[in-house]
Each structure stands twice: as C-alpha cells, then as structure tokens.
C-alpha atoms as a PDB file:
ATOM      1  CA  UNK A   1    -132.401 151.362 217.049  1.00  0.00           C
ATOM      2  CA  UNK A   2    -130.911 148.641 219.252  1.00  0.00           C
ATOM      3  CA  UNK A   3    -129.547 150.607 222.163  1.00  0.00           C
ATOM      4  CA  UNK A   4    -126.422 149.815 224.178  1.00  0.00           C
ATOM      5  CA  UNK A   5    -127.608 152.181 226.957  1.00  0.00           C
ATOM      6  CA  UNK A   6    -131.186 153.105 227.906  1.00  0.00           C
ATOM      7  CA  UNK A   7    -130.444 156.771 228.532  1.00  0.00           C
ATOM      8  CA  UNK A   8    -130.029 159.589 226.000  1.00  0.00           C
ATOM      9  CA  UNK A   9    -127.088 162.042 226.493  1.00  0.00           C
ATOM     10  CA  UNK A  10    -127.166 165.765 225.756  1.00  0.00           C
ATOM     11  CA  UNK A  11    -124.362 168.161 224.733  1.00  0.00           C
ATOM     12  CA  UNK A  12    -123.816 171.951 224.953  1.00  0.00           C
ATOM     13  CA  UNK A  13    -121.116 174.234 223.638  1.00  0.00           C
ATOM     14  CA  UNK A  14    -119.660 177.129 225.637  1.00  0.00           C
ATOM     15  CA  UNK A  15    -116.787 179.563 225.827  1.00  0.00           C
ATOM     16  CA  UNK A  16    -117.363 179.997 229.528  1.00  0.00           C
ATOM     17  CA  UNK A  17    -115.589 177.012 231.054  1.00  0.00           C
ATOM     18  CA  UNK A  18    -115.333 177.976 234.738  1.00  0.00           C
ATOM     19  CA  UNK A  19    -118.705 179.731 234.946  1.00  0.00           C
ATOM     20  CA  UNK A  20    -120.477 176.732 233.373  1.00  0.00           C
ATOM     21  CA  UNK A  21    -118.654 174.227 235.565  1.00  0.00           C
ATOM     22  CA  UNK A  22    -119.620 176.125 238.694  1.00  0.00           C
ATOM     23  CA  UNK A  23    -123.228 176.274 237.564  1.00  0.00           C
ATOM     24  CA  UNK A  24    -123.711 172.651 236.541  1.00  0.00           C
ATOM     25  CA  UNK A  25    -121.684 171.164 239.345  1.00  0.00           C
ATOM     26  CA  UNK A  26    -122.651 173.414 242.235  1.00  0.00           C
ATOM     27  CA  UNK A  27    -126.172 174.724 241.379  1.00  0.00           C
ATOM     28  CA  UNK A  28    -127.534 171.755 239.365  1.00  0.00           C
ATOM     29  CA  UNK A  29    -125.508 169.217 241.286  1.00  0.00           C
ATOM     30  CA  UNK A  30    -124.079 167.083 238.501  1.00  0.00           C
ATOM     31  CA  UNK A  31    -121.024 164.903 239.407  1.00  0.00           C
ATOM     32  CA  UNK A  32    -117.949 165.311 237.160  1.00  0.00           C
ATOM     33  CA  UNK A  33    -116.841 162.121 235.390  1.00  0.00           C
ATOM     34  CA  UNK A  34    -113.990 162.816 233.016  1.00  0.00           C
ATOM     35  CA  UNK A  35    -112.358 165.207 230.537  1.00  0.00           C
ATOM     36  CA  UNK A  36    -111.959 164.219 226.903  1.00  0.00           C
ATOM     37  CA  UNK A  37    -109.870 166.091 224.369  1.00  0.00           C
ATOM     38  CA  UNK A  38    -111.984 166.203 221.251  1.00  0.00           C
ATOM     39  CA  UNK A  39    -109.751 168.216 218.926  1.00  0.00           C
ATOM     40  CA  UNK A  40    -110.124 171.631 217.386  1.00  0.00           C
ATOM     41  CA  UNK A  41    -109.277 173.398 220.653  1.00  0.00           C
ATOM     42  CA  UNK A  42    -112.181 171.784 222.486  1.00  0.00           C
ATOM     43  CA  UNK A  43    -112.482 169.770 225.657  1.00  0.00           C
ATOM     44  CA  UNK A  44    -115.537 167.736 226.618  1.00  0.00           C
ATOM     45  CA  UNK A  45    -116.240 167.717 230.318  1.00  0.00           C
ATOM     46  CA  UNK A  46    -118.497 164.814 230.998  1.00  0.00           C
ATOM     47  CA  UNK A  47    -120.937 164.820 233.938  1.00  0.00           C
ATOM     48  CA  UNK A  48    -123.277 162.106 235.283  1.00  0.00           C
ATOM     49  CA  UNK A  49    -126.959 162.828 234.622  1.00  0.00           C
ATOM     50  CA  UNK A  50    -129.367 160.223 236.053  1.00  0.00           C
ATOM     51  CA  UNK A  51    -127.776 157.513 233.873  1.00  0.00           C
ATOM     52  CA  UNK A  52    -127.247 159.911 230.926  1.00  0.00           C
ATOM     53  CA  UNK A  53    -124.142 161.983 230.274  1.00  0.00           C
ATOM     54  CA  UNK A  54    -124.189 165.841 230.237  1.00  0.00           C
ATOM     55  CA  UNK A  55    -121.506 166.835 227.800  1.00  0.00           C
ATOM     56  CA  UNK A  56    -120.106 170.319 228.413  1.00  0.00           C
ATOM     57  CA  UNK A  57    -118.051 171.070 225.390  1.00  0.00           C
ATOM     58  CA  UNK A  58    -115.703 174.035 226.054  1.00  0.00           C
ATOM     59  CA  UNK A  59    -113.996 175.675 223.071  1.00  0.00           C
ATOM     60  CA  UNK A  60    -111.040 178.074 223.341  1.00  0.00           C
ATOM     61  CA  UNK A  61    -112.085 179.460 219.957  1.00  0.00           C
ATOM     62  CA  UNK A  62    -115.118 181.719 219.609  1.00  0.00           C
ATOM     63  CA  UNK A  63    -118.301 179.761 219.102  1.00  0.00           C
ATOM     64  CA  UNK A  64    -120.314 181.039 216.104  1.00  0.00           C
ATOM     65  CA  UNK A  65    -123.365 183.104 216.793  1.00  0.00           C
ATOM     66  CA  UNK A  66    -125.863 180.762 215.171  1.00  0.00           C
ATOM     67  CA  UNK A  67    -129.608 180.375 215.771  1.00  0.00           C
ATOM     68  CA  UNK A  68    -130.635 178.244 218.806  1.00  0.00           C
ATOM     69  CA  UNK A  69    -131.267 174.576 218.328  1.00  0.00           C
ATOM     70  CA  UNK A  70    -134.701 173.065 218.908  1.00  0.00           C
ATOM     71  CA  UNK A  71    -133.422 171.583 222.248  1.00  0.00           C
ATOM     72  CA  UNK A  72    -134.708 174.275 224.511  1.00  0.00           C
ATOM     73  CA  UNK A  73    -134.849 172.927 228.006  1.00  0.00           C
ATOM     74  CA  UNK A  74    -133.384 170.067 230.070  1.00  0.00           C
ATOM     75  CA  UNK A  75    -135.557 168.591 232.787  1.00  0.00           C
ATOM     76  CA  UNK A  76    -133.893 166.525 235.461  1.00  0.00           C
ATOM     77  CA  UNK A  77    -135.846 164.278 237.862  1.00  0.00           C
ATOM     78  CA  UNK A  78    -135.026 164.597 241.552  1.00  0.00           C
ATOM     79  CA  UNK A  79    -136.980 162.392 243.924  1.00  0.00           C
ATOM     80  CA  UNK A  80    -136.241 164.703 246.934  1.00  0.00           C
ATOM     81  CA  UNK A  81    -138.120 167.755 245.601  1.00  0.00           C
ATOM     82  CA  UNK A  82    -141.834 168.489 245.450  1.00  0.00           C
ATOM     83  CA  UNK A  83    -142.079 171.347 242.949  1.00  0.00           C
ATOM     84  CA  UNK A  84    -140.224 172.216 239.729  1.00  0.00           C
ATOM     85  CA  UNK A  85    -137.338 174.621 240.094  1.00  0.00           C
ATOM     86  CA  UNK A  86    -135.974 176.331 236.993  1.00  0.00           C
ATOM     87  CA  UNK A  87    -132.523 177.889 236.482  1.00  0.00           C
ATOM     88  CA  UNK A  88    -130.677 179.553 233.623  1.00  0.00           C
ATOM     89  CA  UNK A  89    -127.057 178.675 232.923  1.00  0.00           C
ATOM     90  CA  UNK A  90    -124.434 181.339 232.079  1.00  0.00           C
ATOM     91  CA  UNK A  91    -125.161 181.078 228.303  1.00  0.00           C
ATOM     92  CA  UNK A  92    -128.928 181.366 228.784  1.00  0.00           C
ATOM     93  CA  UNK A  93    -129.927 177.671 228.622  1.00  0.00           C
ATOM     94  CA  UNK A  94    -132.908 176.604 230.760  1.00  0.00           C
ATOM     95  CA  UNK A  95    -132.611 173.660 233.150  1.00  0.00           C
ATOM     96  CA  UNK A  96    -135.442 172.587 235.450  1.00  0.00           C
ATOM     97  CA  UNK A  97    -135.251 170.188 238.410  1.00  0.00           C
ATOM     98  CA  UNK A  98    -138.598 168.346 238.603  1.00  0.00           C
ATOM     99  CA  UNK A  99    -140.169 165.834 241.014  1.00  0.00           C
ATOM    100  CA  UNK A 100    -139.726 162.193 239.866  1.00  0.00           C
ATOM    101  CA  UNK A 101    -142.664 161.350 237.652  1.00  0.00           C
ATOM    102  CA  UNK A 102    -143.383 164.878 236.535  1.00  0.00           C
ATOM    103  CA  UNK A 103    -144.628 164.754 232.932  1.00  0.00           C
ATOM    104  CA  UNK A 104    -143.630 161.050 233.031  1.00  0.00           C
ATOM    105  CA  UNK A 105    -139.983 161.897 233.662  1.00  0.00           C
ATOM    106  CA  UNK A 106    -138.087 159.408 235.858  1.00  0.00           C
ATOM    107  CA  UNK A 107    -134.596 160.278 234.569  1.00  0.00           C
ATOM    108  CA  UNK A 108    -134.412 163.258 232.244  1.00  0.00           C
ATOM    109  CA  UNK A 109    -136.685 165.105 229.869  1.00  0.00           C
ATOM    110  CA  UNK A 110    -135.837 167.299 226.907  1.00  0.00           C
ATOM    111  CA  UNK A 111    -138.233 170.096 225.877  1.00  0.00           C
ATOM    112  CA  UNK A 112    -138.160 170.897 222.153  1.00  0.00           C
ATOM    113  CA  UNK A 113    -139.465 173.634 219.950  1.00  0.00           C
ATOM    114  CA  UNK A 114    -140.390 172.249 216.476  1.00  0.00           C
ATOM    115  CA  UNK A 115    -141.514 174.032 213.387  1.00  0.00           C
ATOM    116  CA  UNK A 116    -144.074 171.424 212.395  1.00  0.00           C
ATOM    117  CA  UNK A 117    -145.516 168.953 214.907  1.00  0.00           C
ATOM    118  CA  UNK A 118    -146.816 166.565 212.291  1.00  0.00           C
ATOM    119  CA  UNK A 119    -143.376 166.218 210.690  1.00  0.00           C
ATOM    120  CA  UNK A 120    -141.885 165.356 214.015  1.00  0.00           C
ATOM    121  CA  UNK A 121    -144.642 162.954 214.834  1.00  0.00           C
ATOM    122  CA  UNK A 122    -143.840 161.129 211.553  1.00  0.00           C
ATOM    123  CA  UNK A 123    -140.094 161.379 212.198  1.00  0.00           C
ATOM    124  CA  UNK A 124    -140.258 159.887 215.685  1.00  0.00           C
ATOM    125  CA  UNK A 125    -142.743 157.158 214.670  1.00  0.00           C
ATOM    126  CA  UNK A 126    -141.291 156.185 211.302  1.00  0.00           C
ATOM    127  CA  UNK A 127    -137.594 157.176 211.337  1.00  0.00           C
ATOM    128  CA  UNK A 128    -136.556 156.733 214.921  1.00  0.00           C
ATOM    129  CA  UNK A 129    -139.343 154.254 215.762  1.00  0.00           C
ATOM    130  CA  UNK A 130    -139.668 155.373 219.326  1.00  0.00           C
ATOM    131  CA  UNK A 131    -142.701 155.354 221.680  1.00  0.00           C
ATOM    132  CA  UNK A 132    -145.403 157.962 221.333  1.00  0.00           C
ATOM    133  CA  UNK A 133    -147.113 158.861 224.631  1.00  0.00           C
ATOM    134  CA  UNK A 134    -149.524 161.506 223.194  1.00  0.00           C
ATOM    135  CA  UNK A 135    -149.531 164.100 220.403  1.00  0.00           C
ATOM    136  CA  UNK A 136    -146.701 166.178 221.863  1.00  0.00           C
ATOM    137  CA  UNK A 137    -144.826 163.629 224.095  1.00  0.00           C
ATOM    138  CA  UNK A 138    -142.417 160.862 222.946  1.00  0.00           C
ATOM    139  CA  UNK A 139    -140.233 158.434 224.966  1.00  0.00           C
ATOM    140  CA  UNK A 140    -136.858 157.217 223.737  1.00  0.00           C
ATOM    141  CA  UNK A 141    -135.532 154.568 226.150  1.00  0.00           C
ATOM    142  CA  UNK A 142    -135.823 156.406 229.595  1.00  0.00           C
ATOM    143  CA  UNK A 143    -135.804 159.902 228.145  1.00  0.00           C
ATOM    144  CA  UNK A 144    -139.022 161.959 227.646  1.00  0.00           C
ATOM    145  CA  UNK A 145    -139.251 164.401 224.756  1.00  0.00           C
ATOM    146  CA  UNK A 146    -141.830 167.192 225.094  1.00  0.00           C
ATOM    147  CA  UNK A 147    -142.677 169.070 221.877  1.00  0.00           C
ATOM    148  CA  UNK A 148    -144.026 172.597 221.378  1.00  0.00           C
ATOM    149  CA  UNK A 149    -144.920 173.714 217.872  1.00  0.00           C
ATOM    150  CA  UNK A 150    -143.737 177.142 216.681  1.00  0.00           C
ATOM    151  CA  UNK A 151    -144.115 177.654 212.890  1.00  0.00           C
ATOM    152  CA  UNK A 152    -141.612 180.587 213.155  1.00  0.00           C
ATOM    153  CA  UNK A 153    -138.839 178.387 214.570  1.00  0.00           C
ATOM    154  CA  UNK A 154    -135.794 178.503 212.266  1.00  0.00           C
ATOM    155  CA  UNK A 155    -133.527 175.451 212.007  1.00  0.00           C
ATOM    156  CA  UNK A 156    -129.907 176.044 213.236  1.00  0.00           C
ATOM    157  CA  UNK A 157    -127.372 176.573 210.445  1.00  0.00           C
ATOM    158  CA  UNK A 158    -124.847 174.261 212.011  1.00  0.00           C
ATOM    159  CA  UNK A 159    -124.343 172.065 215.094  1.00  0.00           C
ATOM    160  CA  UNK A 160    -121.853 174.284 216.932  1.00  0.00           C
ATOM    161  CA  UNK A 161    -123.407 177.222 218.741  1.00  0.00           C
ATOM    162  CA  UNK A 162    -124.041 178.277 222.281  1.00  0.00           C
ATOM    163  CA  UNK A 163    -126.322 176.146 224.469  1.00  0.00           C
ATOM    164  CA  UNK A 164    -127.946 172.758 223.849  1.00  0.00           C
ATOM    165  CA  UNK A 165    -126.879 171.609 220.393  1.00  0.00           C
ATOM    166  CA  UNK A 166    -127.179 167.830 220.134  1.00  0.00           C
ATOM    167  CA  UNK A 167    -128.227 164.556 221.804  1.00  0.00           C
ATOM    168  CA  UNK A 168    -126.383 161.239 221.757  1.00  0.00           C
ATOM    169  CA  UNK A 169    -127.818 157.718 221.605  1.00  0.00           C
ATOM    170  CA  UNK A 170    -125.595 154.763 222.339  1.00  0.00           C
ATOM    171  CA  UNK A 171    -125.986 151.727 220.060  1.00  0.00           C
ATOM    172  CA  UNK A 172    -124.275 148.398 219.481  1.00  0.00           C
ATOM    173  CA  UNK A 173    -123.462 148.919 215.720  1.00  0.00           C
ATOM    174  CA  UNK A 174    -123.297 152.409 214.381  1.00  0.00           C
ATOM    175  CA  UNK A 175    -122.830 151.445 210.731  1.00  0.00           C
ATOM    176  CA  UNK A 176    -125.907 149.212 210.814  1.00  0.00           C
ATOM    177  CA  UNK A 177    -128.137 151.693 212.643  1.00  0.00           C
ATOM    178  CA  UNK A 178    -126.953 154.600 210.519  1.00  0.00           C
ATOM    179  CA  UNK A 179    -127.657 152.694 207.259  1.00  0.00           C
ATOM    180  CA  UNK A 180    -131.115 151.531 208.457  1.00  0.00           C
ATOM    181  CA  UNK A 181    -131.986 155.134 209.330  1.00  0.00           C
ATOM    182  CA  UNK A 182    -131.032 156.292 205.885  1.00  0.00           C
ATOM    183  CA  UNK A 183    -132.964 153.432 204.287  1.00  0.00           C
ATOM    184  CA  UNK A 184    -136.083 154.663 206.086  1.00  0.00           C
ATOM    185  CA  UNK A 185    -135.623 158.094 204.497  1.00  0.00           C
ATOM    186  CA  UNK A 186    -133.620 159.811 207.192  1.00  0.00           C
ATOM    187  CA  UNK A 187    -131.121 162.618 206.691  1.00  0.00           C
ATOM    188  CA  UNK A 188    -127.401 162.090 207.218  1.00  0.00           C
ATOM    189  CA  UNK A 189    -125.314 164.818 208.863  1.00  0.00           C
ATOM    190  CA  UNK A 190    -122.009 162.913 209.083  1.00  0.00           C
ATOM    191  CA  UNK A 191    -121.038 159.397 207.963  1.00  0.00           C
ATOM    192  CA  UNK A 192    -119.667 156.896 210.547  1.00  0.00           C
ATOM    193  CA  UNK A 193    -116.080 157.393 211.627  1.00  0.00           C
ATOM    194  CA  UNK A 194    -113.890 156.012 214.420  1.00  0.00           C
ATOM    195  CA  UNK A 195    -112.461 158.193 217.169  1.00  0.00           C
ATOM    196  CA  UNK A 196    -109.286 156.393 218.232  1.00  0.00           C
ATOM    197  CA  UNK A 197    -110.108 153.588 220.662  1.00  0.00           C
ATOM    198  CA  UNK A 198    -112.950 155.502 222.328  1.00  0.00           C
ATOM    199  CA  UNK A 199    -115.954 155.298 219.992  1.00  0.00           C
ATOM    200  CA  UNK A 200    -117.304 154.972 216.441  1.00  0.00           C
ATOM    201  CA  UNK A 201    -119.851 157.678 215.755  1.00  0.00           C
ATOM    202  CA  UNK A 202    -122.084 159.164 213.106  1.00  0.00           C
ATOM    203  CA  UNK A 203    -124.597 162.088 213.017  1.00  0.00           C
ATOM    204  CA  UNK A 204    -128.099 162.268 211.735  1.00  0.00           C
ATOM    205  CA  UNK A 205    -130.648 165.110 211.599  1.00  0.00           C
ATOM    206  CA  UNK A 206    -134.258 165.564 212.527  1.00  0.00           C
ATOM    207  CA  UNK A 207    -136.759 167.486 210.398  1.00  0.00           C
ATOM    208  CA  UNK A 208    -135.516 170.879 211.769  1.00  0.00           C
ATOM    209  CA  UNK A 209    -131.909 169.906 211.281  1.00  0.00           C
ATOM    210  CA  UNK A 210    -131.122 169.338 214.960  1.00  0.00           C
ATOM    211  CA  UNK A 211    -128.198 166.955 215.264  1.00  0.00           C
ATOM    212  CA  UNK A 212    -128.388 163.501 216.792  1.00  0.00           C
ATOM    213  CA  UNK A 213    -125.126 161.622 217.479  1.00  0.00           C
ATOM    214  CA  UNK A 214    -125.285 157.870 217.056  1.00  0.00           C
ATOM    215  CA  UNK A 215    -122.433 156.425 219.090  1.00  0.00           C
ATOM    216  CA  UNK A 216    -120.901 152.976 219.497  1.00  0.00           C
ATOM    217  CA  UNK A 217    -118.727 153.545 222.584  1.00  0.00           C
ATOM    218  CA  UNK A 218    -115.971 151.008 223.345  1.00  0.00           C
ATOM    219  CA  UNK A 219    -116.668 151.115 227.111  1.00  0.00           C
ATOM    220  CA  UNK A 220    -120.276 149.815 226.359  1.00  0.00           C
ATOM    221  CA  UNK A 221    -119.821 147.637 223.254  1.00  0.00           C
ATOM    222  CA  UNK A 222    -116.131 146.561 223.271  1.00  0.00           C
ATOM    223  CA  UNK A 223    -115.727 146.065 219.501  1.00  0.00           C
ATOM    224  CA  UNK A 224    -115.442 149.236 217.310  1.00  0.00           C
ATOM    225  CA  UNK A 225    -115.028 147.494 213.978  1.00  0.00           C
ATOM    226  CA  UNK A 226    -117.477 148.555 211.228  1.00  0.00           C
ATOM    227  CA  UNK A 227    -120.359 146.227 210.636  1.00  0.00           C
END
C-alpha cells in the first residue's frame, strides 16, 4: 500500500470514559489531540502516540461482550527509560513502555496473538506486502508487529468490543488500495465510504478476522473523491 503516513494507528472501545482518559493521559502520558463525534452514541478521543494516533472510542451504549481481538499489547518507545514498564488499563488491556530500540521498536509495537503463524506470514507477505524481520516479527512503516501463535485463539465475532479492536493505516487512495487488496485474495469487512469532509475509509480483515481500517484522511491527502 502507498501510505500517506508512516505510522500505524490503533483503536480501542470502552464504556469507561473518565477512567480511561485518566489512565492514558496521566499514567501513559499521551497528549490529547481532539474529539470526533463518530455517530451511534460514540465519541473518538484522539491522542498523539509517537506519530501514530491512539483512538479511544467511548460509547454511551453497552459494548458487546465479545471475544478479545488478536491485538493483545501496545508497546510504546520512550528514549528516557532503561527497562520495560508494563501497565493494565481499566478494561484490562496491556500497554508497555519500552526503551527506544527494544525489539526494533522506535515508535510503537503491537503484540498479536494469532491462531496460525504460517497463515499470518503469508498474509503479511502476500496480501499486505510489508517487511518481514524474522519468523514472528513484521514491520509496517514504522510500526513493529510481534506475533505469538496460539492454536486455541478464537477470532472475534465483530469489531466492537472492549480493548484493542482495530488498527488504521493512512493511504492516498482508499478505493485503489482496497481494490488491490481484494484482487490479491484479501477479505473485505466494509466497502469504501466517505465520512463527511473528514475521511474516506474502508475496512479489511486479517486471517483471524481482526479489523484493519484503510483511511484516506483529508488532512493528509486533501482530495476525498473516489479513485
């Protein structure tokens, strides 16, 4: 994919707005950027994350009790620390501050549990066409993905659920990238659509049905017209 930003974003869902804001802003130290009303009784509270965006999606409606996604841990590089320091947010999601360069991470890393390592190797190599570092490590732009195989891992039944639920990649032309992904044999989750004057987005899925948002954001690309 031709990226419009060299950092991958990550999103969570929660019913605990104030508790989560206190945790991510005060304990993790993420600066608040802006609030977006995303419809359906939800607000997205966006935070800076080493060039990425941490999307804290708060819903006033109860979030369904679905199985966890494969996105199991967020690792954040901090040049001022010498040893990893792990924390758990109010919904049970793990975040670890790591020294810059730890496991190759200079910005952020995402640890994933996958049901079949070979399937994910093929997916990252052939479908997403991103860089493979070793058998369990991949690099997409500046973001490091660390894979752990667990054959008992069950795919989530839907995107919405507590904790880490999706990642976002920013591209120049959503329609073009979405179509090329499908042509390579990828799985569609949601066809491209335009969100007002903010962005044009689609969703795709990995082999365990984790969701990946493909976004053409006006603040990065200007034009939102379909390809």
